[in-house]
Amino acid sequence: MRQYHSQISGVVVCSFAYFLISIPTFMLTDHVLHLALVWNLFLAVLPLLFAALVNQAVAKAKKAVFGLLWLLFFPNALYMITDFIHISRLTYYSRVDQYWLSQVVYSTDIIIWLKLVHIGLGALLGTLAGLLSLYIIHQLLLKKSRPAVAGLAIVASCVLAGYGIFIGRFLRLNSWDIFRPVRLCSQLINHTDGFAVLYTALFAAYILAAYGVFFVLFHRKGTEPESSATDPKQ
């Protein structure tokens, strides 16, 4: 966990700051969505904490348990991108026909712009938490297996996360519904169709693309644990 202490601490601190600004945002907008986003962000940070525990654990049993919890909660982080659907009922601009020309007039209602910023910031923090957790798991896999095997595991995780986002958004199920297997399986069987497959593929591709960018930037900044700095052979 020490290897990624500064990154994890940064995400946690920013998430707490998000909680603090969510209170006045809720008071100004008078919409419970902006409190619900705090809960969504809390769920988004959990996989990052589980990934850190996997990285820290020594016993294989603990690694397996924390790894399973990470996989179970990982979709919650990338799920927050779907919260942008809540801006669909807001009007940010209108068209005014004047002298046979159509002119765009943007809203000067600062509250709707505040809603957009609050949703966007939550989605950003949730995405960063999820991608960092995926990076930590990826690095652990690279230490234990060949790059091709680790890569396949990451792709599989992204596909499962894409399906998890579908389950969360359309079936309104949560990560802990896995403890109600009969209800969960019934829902999955009844709602798995062509759209579910396409939706899963779309969001799996989104997660992979986002992680690809994150991976390149993370490596270029040299944020990989610097074990060589303490290596007596150096």
C-alpha atoms as a PDB file:
ATOM      1  CA  MET A   1       0.000   0.000   0.000  1.00  0.00           C
ATOM      2  CA  ARG A   2       2.961   2.292   0.645  1.00  0.00           C
ATOM      3  CA  GLN A   3       3.907   2.047  -3.013  1.00  0.00           C
ATOM      4  CA  TYR A   4       0.808   3.975  -4.040  1.00  0.00           C
ATOM      5  CA  HIS A   5       0.299   5.938  -0.818  1.00  0.00           C
ATOM      6  CA  SER A   6       0.468   9.412  -2.365  1.00  0.00           C
ATOM      7  CA  GLN A   7      -1.860   8.544  -5.261  1.00  0.00           C
ATOM      8  CA  ILE A   8      -4.440   6.837  -3.060  1.00  0.00           C
ATOM      9  CA  SER A   9      -4.265   9.601  -0.469  1.00  0.00           C
ATOM     10  CA  GLY A  10      -4.809  12.179  -3.200  1.00  0.00           C
ATOM     11  CA  VAL A  11      -7.936  10.420  -4.445  1.00  0.00           C
ATOM     12  CA  VAL A  12      -9.305  10.030  -0.903  1.00  0.00           C
ATOM     13  CA  VAL A  13      -8.647  13.688  -0.033  1.00  0.00           C
ATOM     14  CA  CYS A  14     -10.264  14.874  -3.266  1.00  0.00           C
ATOM     15  CA  SER A  15     -13.245  12.613  -2.617  1.00  0.00           C
ATOM     16  CA  PHE A  16     -13.654  14.096   0.859  1.00  0.00           C
ATOM     17  CA  ALA A  17     -13.478  17.580  -0.651  1.00  0.00           C
ATOM     18  CA  TYR A  18     -16.184  16.493  -3.094  1.00  0.00           C
ATOM     19  CA  PHE A  19     -18.342  15.508  -0.134  1.00  0.00           C
ATOM     20  CA  LEU A  20     -17.851  18.957   1.397  1.00  0.00           C
ATOM     21  CA  ILE A  21     -18.846  20.820  -1.762  1.00  0.00           C
ATOM     22  CA  SER A  22     -21.811  18.478  -2.286  1.00  0.00           C
ATOM     23  CA  ILE A  23     -23.589  19.852   0.775  1.00  0.00           C
ATOM     24  CA  PRO A  24     -23.867  23.462  -0.464  1.00  0.00           C
ATOM     25  CA  THR A  25     -24.515  22.149  -3.975  1.00  0.00           C
ATOM     26  CA  PHE A  26     -27.492  20.192  -2.667  1.00  0.00           C
ATOM     27  CA  MET A  27     -28.744  23.237  -0.754  1.00  0.00           C
ATOM     28  CA  LEU A  28     -28.485  25.451  -3.835  1.00  0.00           C
ATOM     29  CA  THR A  29     -29.979  22.999  -6.314  1.00  0.00           C
ATOM     30  CA  ASP A  30     -32.490  21.420  -3.928  1.00  0.00           C
ATOM     31  CA  HIS A  31     -31.974  18.091  -5.690  1.00  0.00           C
ATOM     32  CA  VAL A  32     -31.179  14.862  -3.862  1.00  0.00           C
ATOM     33  CA  LEU A  33     -29.081  13.705  -6.843  1.00  0.00           C
ATOM     34  CA  HIS A  34     -26.156  15.701  -5.528  1.00  0.00           C
ATOM     35  CA  LEU A  35     -26.199  13.747  -2.282  1.00  0.00           C
ATOM     36  CA  ALA A  36     -26.620  10.462  -4.144  1.00  0.00           C
ATOM     37  CA  LEU A  37     -23.467  11.271  -6.099  1.00  0.00           C
ATOM     38  CA  VAL A  38     -21.530  11.306  -2.815  1.00  0.00           C
ATOM     39  CA  TRP A  39     -22.671   7.730  -2.167  1.00  0.00           C
ATOM     40  CA  ASN A  40     -21.749   6.765  -5.732  1.00  0.00           C
ATOM     41  CA  LEU A  41     -18.279   8.224  -5.255  1.00  0.00           C
ATOM     42  CA  PHE A  42     -17.860   6.358  -1.976  1.00  0.00           C
ATOM     43  CA  LEU A  43     -18.625   3.106  -3.808  1.00  0.00           C
ATOM     44  CA  ALA A  44     -16.208   4.174  -6.552  1.00  0.00           C
ATOM     45  CA  VAL A  45     -13.341   4.604  -4.073  1.00  0.00           C
ATOM     46  CA  LEU A  46     -13.879   1.181  -2.464  1.00  0.00           C
ATOM     47  CA  PRO A  47     -12.242  -0.814  -5.314  1.00  0.00           C
ATOM     48  CA  LEU A  48      -9.170   1.410  -4.990  1.00  0.00           C
ATOM     49  CA  LEU A  49      -8.918   0.541  -1.293  1.00  0.00           C
ATOM     50  CA  PHE A  50      -9.443  -3.150  -2.040  1.00  0.00           C
ATOM     51  CA  ALA A  51      -6.730  -3.042  -4.720  1.00  0.00           C
ATOM     52  CA  ALA A  52      -4.366  -1.467  -2.188  1.00  0.00           C
ATOM     53  CA  LEU A  53      -5.177  -4.251   0.285  1.00  0.00           C
ATOM     54  CA  VAL A  54      -4.485  -6.871  -2.392  1.00  0.00           C
ATOM     55  CA  ASN A  55      -1.135  -5.217  -3.003  1.00  0.00           C
ATOM     56  CA  GLN A  56      -0.340  -5.157   0.718  1.00  0.00           C
ATOM     57  CA  ALA A  57      -1.552  -8.657   1.640  1.00  0.00           C
ATOM     58  CA  VAL A  58       1.006 -11.439   1.969  1.00  0.00           C
ATOM     59  CA  ALA A  59      -1.185 -14.483   2.506  1.00  0.00           C
ATOM     60  CA  LYS A  60      -2.716 -15.909  -0.666  1.00  0.00           C
ATOM     61  CA  ALA A  61      -6.103 -16.292   1.011  1.00  0.00           C
ATOM     62  CA  LYS A  62      -6.233 -12.587   1.853  1.00  0.00           C
ATOM     63  CA  LYS A  63      -5.121 -11.644  -1.654  1.00  0.00           C
ATOM     64  CA  ALA A  64      -7.891 -13.806  -3.098  1.00  0.00           C
ATOM     65  CA  VAL A  65     -10.582 -12.307  -0.841  1.00  0.00           C
ATOM     66  CA  PHE A  66      -9.540  -8.711  -1.452  1.00  0.00           C
ATOM     67  CA  GLY A  67      -9.122  -9.438  -5.164  1.00  0.00           C
ATOM     68  CA  LEU A  68     -12.666 -10.778  -5.351  1.00  0.00           C
ATOM     69  CA  LEU A  69     -13.975  -7.722  -3.513  1.00  0.00           C
ATOM     70  CA  TRP A  70     -12.072  -5.500  -5.933  1.00  0.00           C
ATOM     71  CA  LEU A  71     -13.610  -7.235  -8.936  1.00  0.00           C
ATOM     72  CA  LEU A  72     -17.049  -7.044  -7.347  1.00  0.00           C
ATOM     73  CA  PHE A  73     -16.887  -3.300  -6.657  1.00  0.00           C
ATOM     74  CA  PHE A  74     -14.772  -2.212  -9.640  1.00  0.00           C
ATOM     75  CA  PRO A  75     -17.795  -1.476 -11.892  1.00  0.00           C
ATOM     76  CA  ASN A  76     -19.011   1.125  -9.363  1.00  0.00           C
ATOM     77  CA  ALA A  77     -16.072   3.391 -10.214  1.00  0.00           C
ATOM     78  CA  LEU A  78     -16.637   3.565 -13.968  1.00  0.00           C
ATOM     79  CA  TYR A  79     -20.402   3.537 -13.489  1.00  0.00           C
ATOM     80  CA  MET A  80     -20.290   7.211 -12.531  1.00  0.00           C
ATOM     81  CA  ILE A  81     -19.850   8.240 -16.167  1.00  0.00           C
ATOM     82  CA  THR A  82     -23.493   7.262 -16.663  1.00  0.00           C
ATOM     83  CA  ASP A  83     -24.555   9.912 -14.146  1.00  0.00           C
ATOM     84  CA  PHE A  84     -24.317  12.410 -16.986  1.00  0.00           C
ATOM     85  CA  ILE A  85     -27.760  11.204 -18.060  1.00  0.00           C
ATOM     86  CA  HIS A  86     -29.183  13.402 -15.313  1.00  0.00           C
ATOM     87  CA  ILE A  87     -28.407  16.559 -17.260  1.00  0.00           C
ATOM     88  CA  SER A  88     -30.869  15.511 -19.986  1.00  0.00           C
ATOM     89  CA  ARG A  89     -33.725  17.370 -18.301  1.00  0.00           C
ATOM     90  CA  LEU A  90     -31.755  20.585 -18.005  1.00  0.00           C
ATOM     91  CA  THR A  91     -31.813  23.262 -20.685  1.00  0.00           C
ATOM     92  CA  TYR A  92     -28.421  24.778 -21.382  1.00  0.00           C
ATOM     93  CA  TYR A  93     -29.272  26.613 -24.565  1.00  0.00           C
ATOM     94  CA  SER A  94     -32.130  27.470 -26.881  1.00  0.00           C
ATOM     95  CA  ARG A  95     -32.429  28.508 -30.500  1.00  0.00           C
ATOM     96  CA  VAL A  96     -33.961  31.813 -31.430  1.00  0.00           C
ATOM     97  CA  ASP A  97     -35.029  32.478 -34.983  1.00  0.00           C
ATOM     98  CA  GLN A  98     -34.210  36.039 -35.933  1.00  0.00           C
ATOM     99  CA  TYR A  99     -34.274  37.447 -39.438  1.00  0.00           C
ATOM    100  CA  TRP A 100     -34.528  33.952 -40.897  1.00  0.00           C
ATOM    101  CA  LEU A 101     -31.371  32.922 -39.043  1.00  0.00           C
ATOM    102  CA  SER A 102     -31.139  30.503 -36.145  1.00  0.00           C
ATOM    103  CA  GLN A 103     -29.132  31.836 -33.227  1.00  0.00           C
ATOM    104  CA  VAL A 104     -28.030  29.824 -30.182  1.00  0.00           C
ATOM    105  CA  VAL A 105     -28.681  31.503 -26.838  1.00  0.00           C
ATOM    106  CA  TYR A 106     -27.007  29.911 -23.823  1.00  0.00           C
ATOM    107  CA  SER A 107     -28.648  29.863 -20.423  1.00  0.00           C
ATOM    108  CA  THR A 108     -27.394  32.272 -17.770  1.00  0.00           C
ATOM    109  CA  ASP A 109     -28.869  30.178 -14.960  1.00  0.00           C
ATOM    110  CA  ILE A 110     -25.738  29.430 -12.922  1.00  0.00           C
ATOM    111  CA  ILE A 111     -27.474  26.617 -11.020  1.00  0.00           C
ATOM    112  CA  ILE A 112     -27.736  24.328 -14.037  1.00  0.00           C
ATOM    113  CA  TRP A 113     -24.056  24.927 -14.799  1.00  0.00           C
ATOM    114  CA  LEU A 114     -23.277  24.096 -11.164  1.00  0.00           C
ATOM    115  CA  LYS A 115     -25.151  20.805 -11.602  1.00  0.00           C
ATOM    116  CA  LEU A 116     -23.085  20.003 -14.690  1.00  0.00           C
ATOM    117  CA  VAL A 117     -19.794  20.746 -12.935  1.00  0.00           C
ATOM    118  CA  HIS A 118     -20.763  18.710  -9.865  1.00  0.00           C
ATOM    119  CA  ILE A 119     -21.755  15.680 -11.939  1.00  0.00           C
ATOM    120  CA  GLY A 120     -18.640  15.996 -14.077  1.00  0.00           C
ATOM    121  CA  LEU A 121     -16.310  16.267 -11.089  1.00  0.00           C
ATOM    122  CA  GLY A 122     -17.876  13.182  -9.502  1.00  0.00           C
ATOM    123  CA  ALA A 123     -17.495  11.209 -12.713  1.00  0.00           C
ATOM    124  CA  LEU A 124     -13.872  12.329 -13.019  1.00  0.00           C
ATOM    125  CA  LEU A 125     -12.954  11.307  -9.473  1.00  0.00           C
ATOM    126  CA  GLY A 126     -14.786   7.994  -9.778  1.00  0.00           C
ATOM    127  CA  THR A 127     -13.044   7.227 -13.052  1.00  0.00           C
ATOM    128  CA  LEU A 128      -9.602   8.104 -11.656  1.00  0.00           C
ATOM    129  CA  ALA A 129     -10.196   5.925  -8.594  1.00  0.00           C
ATOM    130  CA  GLY A 130     -11.249   3.019 -10.789  1.00  0.00           C
ATOM    131  CA  LEU A 131      -8.380   3.352 -13.247  1.00  0.00           C
ATOM    132  CA  LEU A 132      -5.813   3.610 -10.460  1.00  0.00           C
ATOM    133  CA  SER A 133      -7.220   0.466  -8.866  1.00  0.00           C
ATOM    134  CA  LEU A 134      -7.022  -1.308 -12.226  1.00  0.00           C
ATOM    135  CA  TYR A 135      -3.428  -0.168 -12.612  1.00  0.00           C
ATOM    136  CA  ILE A 136      -2.484  -1.577  -9.204  1.00  0.00           C
ATOM    137  CA  ILE A 137      -4.065  -4.936 -10.042  1.00  0.00           C
ATOM    138  CA  HIS A 138      -2.379  -4.919 -13.445  1.00  0.00           C
ATOM    139  CA  GLN A 139       1.052  -4.362 -11.881  1.00  0.00           C
ATOM    140  CA  LEU A 140       0.480  -7.238  -9.469  1.00  0.00           C
ATOM    141  CA  LEU A 141      -0.516  -9.510 -12.342  1.00  0.00           C
ATOM    142  CA  LEU A 142       2.588  -8.522 -14.306  1.00  0.00           C
ATOM    143  CA  LYS A 143       4.751  -9.604 -11.373  1.00  0.00           C
ATOM    144  CA  LYS A 144       3.084 -13.025 -11.208  1.00  0.00           C
ATOM    145  CA  SER A 145       2.463 -13.871 -14.859  1.00  0.00           C
ATOM    146  CA  ARG A 146       3.449 -13.108 -18.432  1.00  0.00           C
ATOM    147  CA  PRO A 147       2.348  -9.783 -19.955  1.00  0.00           C
ATOM    148  CA  ALA A 148      -0.066 -11.519 -22.346  1.00  0.00           C
ATOM    149  CA  VAL A 149      -1.796 -13.345 -19.499  1.00  0.00           C
ATOM    150  CA  ALA A 150      -1.969 -10.173 -17.399  1.00  0.00           C
ATOM    151  CA  GLY A 151      -3.364  -8.286 -20.375  1.00  0.00           C
ATOM    152  CA  LEU A 152      -6.073 -10.879 -20.951  1.00  0.00           C
ATOM    153  CA  ALA A 153      -7.030 -10.677 -17.273  1.00  0.00           C
ATOM    154  CA  ILE A 154      -7.353  -6.899 -17.526  1.00  0.00           C
ATOM    155  CA  VAL A 155      -9.508  -7.180 -20.652  1.00  0.00           C
ATOM    156  CA  ALA A 156     -11.712  -9.756 -18.926  1.00  0.00           C
ATOM    157  CA  SER A 157     -12.041  -7.435 -15.909  1.00  0.00           C
ATOM    158  CA  CYS A 158     -13.115  -4.582 -18.170  1.00  0.00           C
ATOM    159  CA  VAL A 159     -15.725  -6.761 -19.884  1.00  0.00           C
ATOM    160  CA  LEU A 160     -17.123  -7.842 -16.515  1.00  0.00           C
ATOM    161  CA  ALA A 161     -17.113  -4.201 -15.399  1.00  0.00           C
ATOM    162  CA  GLY A 162     -19.002  -3.212 -18.551  1.00  0.00           C
ATOM    163  CA  TYR A 163     -21.622  -5.827 -17.742  1.00  0.00           C
ATOM    164  CA  GLY A 164     -21.656  -4.627 -14.140  1.00  0.00           C
ATOM    165  CA  ILE A 165     -22.443  -1.090 -15.321  1.00  0.00           C
ATOM    166  CA  PHE A 166     -25.349  -2.484 -17.350  1.00  0.00           C
ATOM    167  CA  ILE A 167     -26.620  -4.361 -14.295  1.00  0.00           C
ATOM    168  CA  GLY A 168     -26.346  -1.285 -12.106  1.00  0.00           C
ATOM    169  CA  ARG A 169     -27.968   1.164 -14.516  1.00  0.00           C
ATOM    170  CA  PHE A 170     -30.738  -0.963 -16.020  1.00  0.00           C
ATOM    171  CA  LEU A 171     -31.442  -3.665 -13.446  1.00  0.00           C
ATOM    172  CA  ARG A 172     -30.738  -1.343 -10.512  1.00  0.00           C
ATOM    173  CA  LEU A 173     -28.764  -4.042  -8.733  1.00  0.00           C
ATOM    174  CA  ASN A 174     -25.806  -3.425  -6.448  1.00  0.00           C
ATOM    175  CA  SER A 175     -22.528  -5.210  -5.788  1.00  0.00           C
ATOM    176  CA  TRP A 176     -23.886  -6.783  -2.608  1.00  0.00           C
ATOM    177  CA  ASP A 177     -26.759  -8.406  -4.524  1.00  0.00           C
ATOM    178  CA  ILE A 178     -24.302 -11.214  -5.205  1.00  0.00           C
ATOM    179  CA  PHE A 179     -25.263 -12.447  -1.746  1.00  0.00           C
ATOM    180  CA  ARG A 180     -28.787 -12.995  -3.088  1.00  0.00           C
ATOM    181  CA  PRO A 181     -27.801 -15.374  -5.895  1.00  0.00           C
ATOM    182  CA  VAL A 182     -31.289 -16.659  -6.741  1.00  0.00           C
ATOM    183  CA  ARG A 183     -32.708 -13.173  -7.348  1.00  0.00           C
ATOM    184  CA  LEU A 184     -29.531 -12.080  -9.106  1.00  0.00           C
ATOM    185  CA  CYS A 185     -29.458 -15.030 -11.512  1.00  0.00           C
ATOM    186  CA  SER A 186     -33.163 -14.635 -12.261  1.00  0.00           C
ATOM    187  CA  GLN A 187     -32.667 -10.967 -13.160  1.00  0.00           C
ATOM    188  CA  LEU A 188     -29.634 -11.665 -15.309  1.00  0.00           C
ATOM    189  CA  ILE A 189     -31.316 -14.463 -17.239  1.00  0.00           C
ATOM    190  CA  ASN A 190     -34.449 -12.415 -17.892  1.00  0.00           C
ATOM    191  CA  HIS A 191     -32.612  -9.299 -19.037  1.00  0.00           C
ATOM    192  CA  THR A 192     -29.672 -10.635 -21.039  1.00  0.00           C
ATOM    193  CA  ASP A 193     -30.343  -9.782 -24.677  1.00  0.00           C
ATOM    194  CA  GLY A 194     -28.684  -8.193 -27.677  1.00  0.00           C
ATOM    195  CA  PHE A 195     -28.774  -4.726 -26.164  1.00  0.00           C
ATOM    196  CA  ALA A 196     -27.103  -5.976 -22.964  1.00  0.00           C
ATOM    197  CA  VAL A 197     -24.291  -7.469 -25.051  1.00  0.00           C
ATOM    198  CA  LEU A 198     -23.780  -4.277 -27.068  1.00  0.00           C
ATOM    199  CA  TYR A 199     -23.944  -2.092 -23.955  1.00  0.00           C
ATOM    200  CA  THR A 200     -21.391  -4.294 -22.217  1.00  0.00           C
ATOM    201  CA  ALA A 201     -19.085  -4.193 -25.235  1.00  0.00           C
ATOM    202  CA  LEU A 202     -19.404  -0.403 -25.506  1.00  0.00           C
ATOM    203  CA  PHE A 203     -18.508   0.255 -21.890  1.00  0.00           C
ATOM    204  CA  ALA A 204     -15.793  -2.389 -21.847  1.00  0.00           C
ATOM    205  CA  ALA A 205     -14.221  -0.569 -24.799  1.00  0.00           C
ATOM    206  CA  TYR A 206     -14.620   2.748 -22.963  1.00  0.00           C
ATOM    207  CA  ILE A 207     -12.886   1.388 -19.859  1.00  0.00           C
ATOM    208  CA  LEU A 208     -10.058  -0.133 -21.904  1.00  0.00           C
ATOM    209  CA  ALA A 209      -9.544   3.090 -23.854  1.00  0.00           C
ATOM    210  CA  ALA A 210      -9.538   5.189 -20.674  1.00  0.00           C
ATOM    211  CA  TYR A 211      -7.141   2.779 -19.005  1.00  0.00           C
ATOM    212  CA  GLY A 212      -4.850   2.834 -22.031  1.00  0.00           C
ATOM    213  CA  VAL A 213      -4.488   6.605 -21.719  1.00  0.00           C
ATOM    214  CA  PHE A 214      -4.102   6.368 -17.962  1.00  0.00           C
ATOM    215  CA  PHE A 215      -1.450   3.645 -18.276  1.00  0.00           C
ATOM    216  CA  VAL A 216       0.677   5.633 -20.709  1.00  0.00           C
ATOM    217  CA  LEU A 217       0.504   8.827 -18.660  1.00  0.00           C
ATOM    218  CA  PHE A 218       1.113   7.030 -15.383  1.00  0.00           C
ATOM    219  CA  HIS A 219       4.250   5.362 -16.687  1.00  0.00           C
ATOM    220  CA  ARG A 220       5.619   8.502 -18.311  1.00  0.00           C
ATOM    221  CA  LYS A 221       5.345  10.400 -15.050  1.00  0.00           C
ATOM    222  CA  GLY A 222       7.412   7.791 -13.301  1.00  0.00           C
ATOM    223  CA  THR A 223       4.825   7.035 -10.645  1.00  0.00           C
ATOM    224  CA  GLU A 224       5.720   3.352 -10.676  1.00  0.00           C
ATOM    225  CA  PRO A 225       7.172   2.273  -7.308  1.00  0.00           C
ATOM    226  CA  GLU A 226      10.889   3.040  -7.323  1.00  0.00           C
ATOM    227  CA  SER A 227      12.236  -0.165  -5.837  1.00  0.00           C
ATOM    228  CA  SER A 228      15.616   0.427  -7.507  1.00  0.00           C
ATOM    229  CA  ALA A 229      16.163   3.477  -5.308  1.00  0.00           C
ATOM    230  CA  THR A 230      16.577   1.253  -2.262  1.00  0.00           C
ATOM    231  CA  ASP A 231      18.319  -1.598  -4.040  1.00  0.00           C
ATOM    232  CA  PRO A 232      21.763  -2.033  -2.477  1.00  0.00           C
ATOM    233  CA  LYS A 233      23.087  -3.277  -5.812  1.00  0.00           C
ATOM    234  CA  GLN A 234      22.525   0.089  -7.448  1.00  0.00           C
END
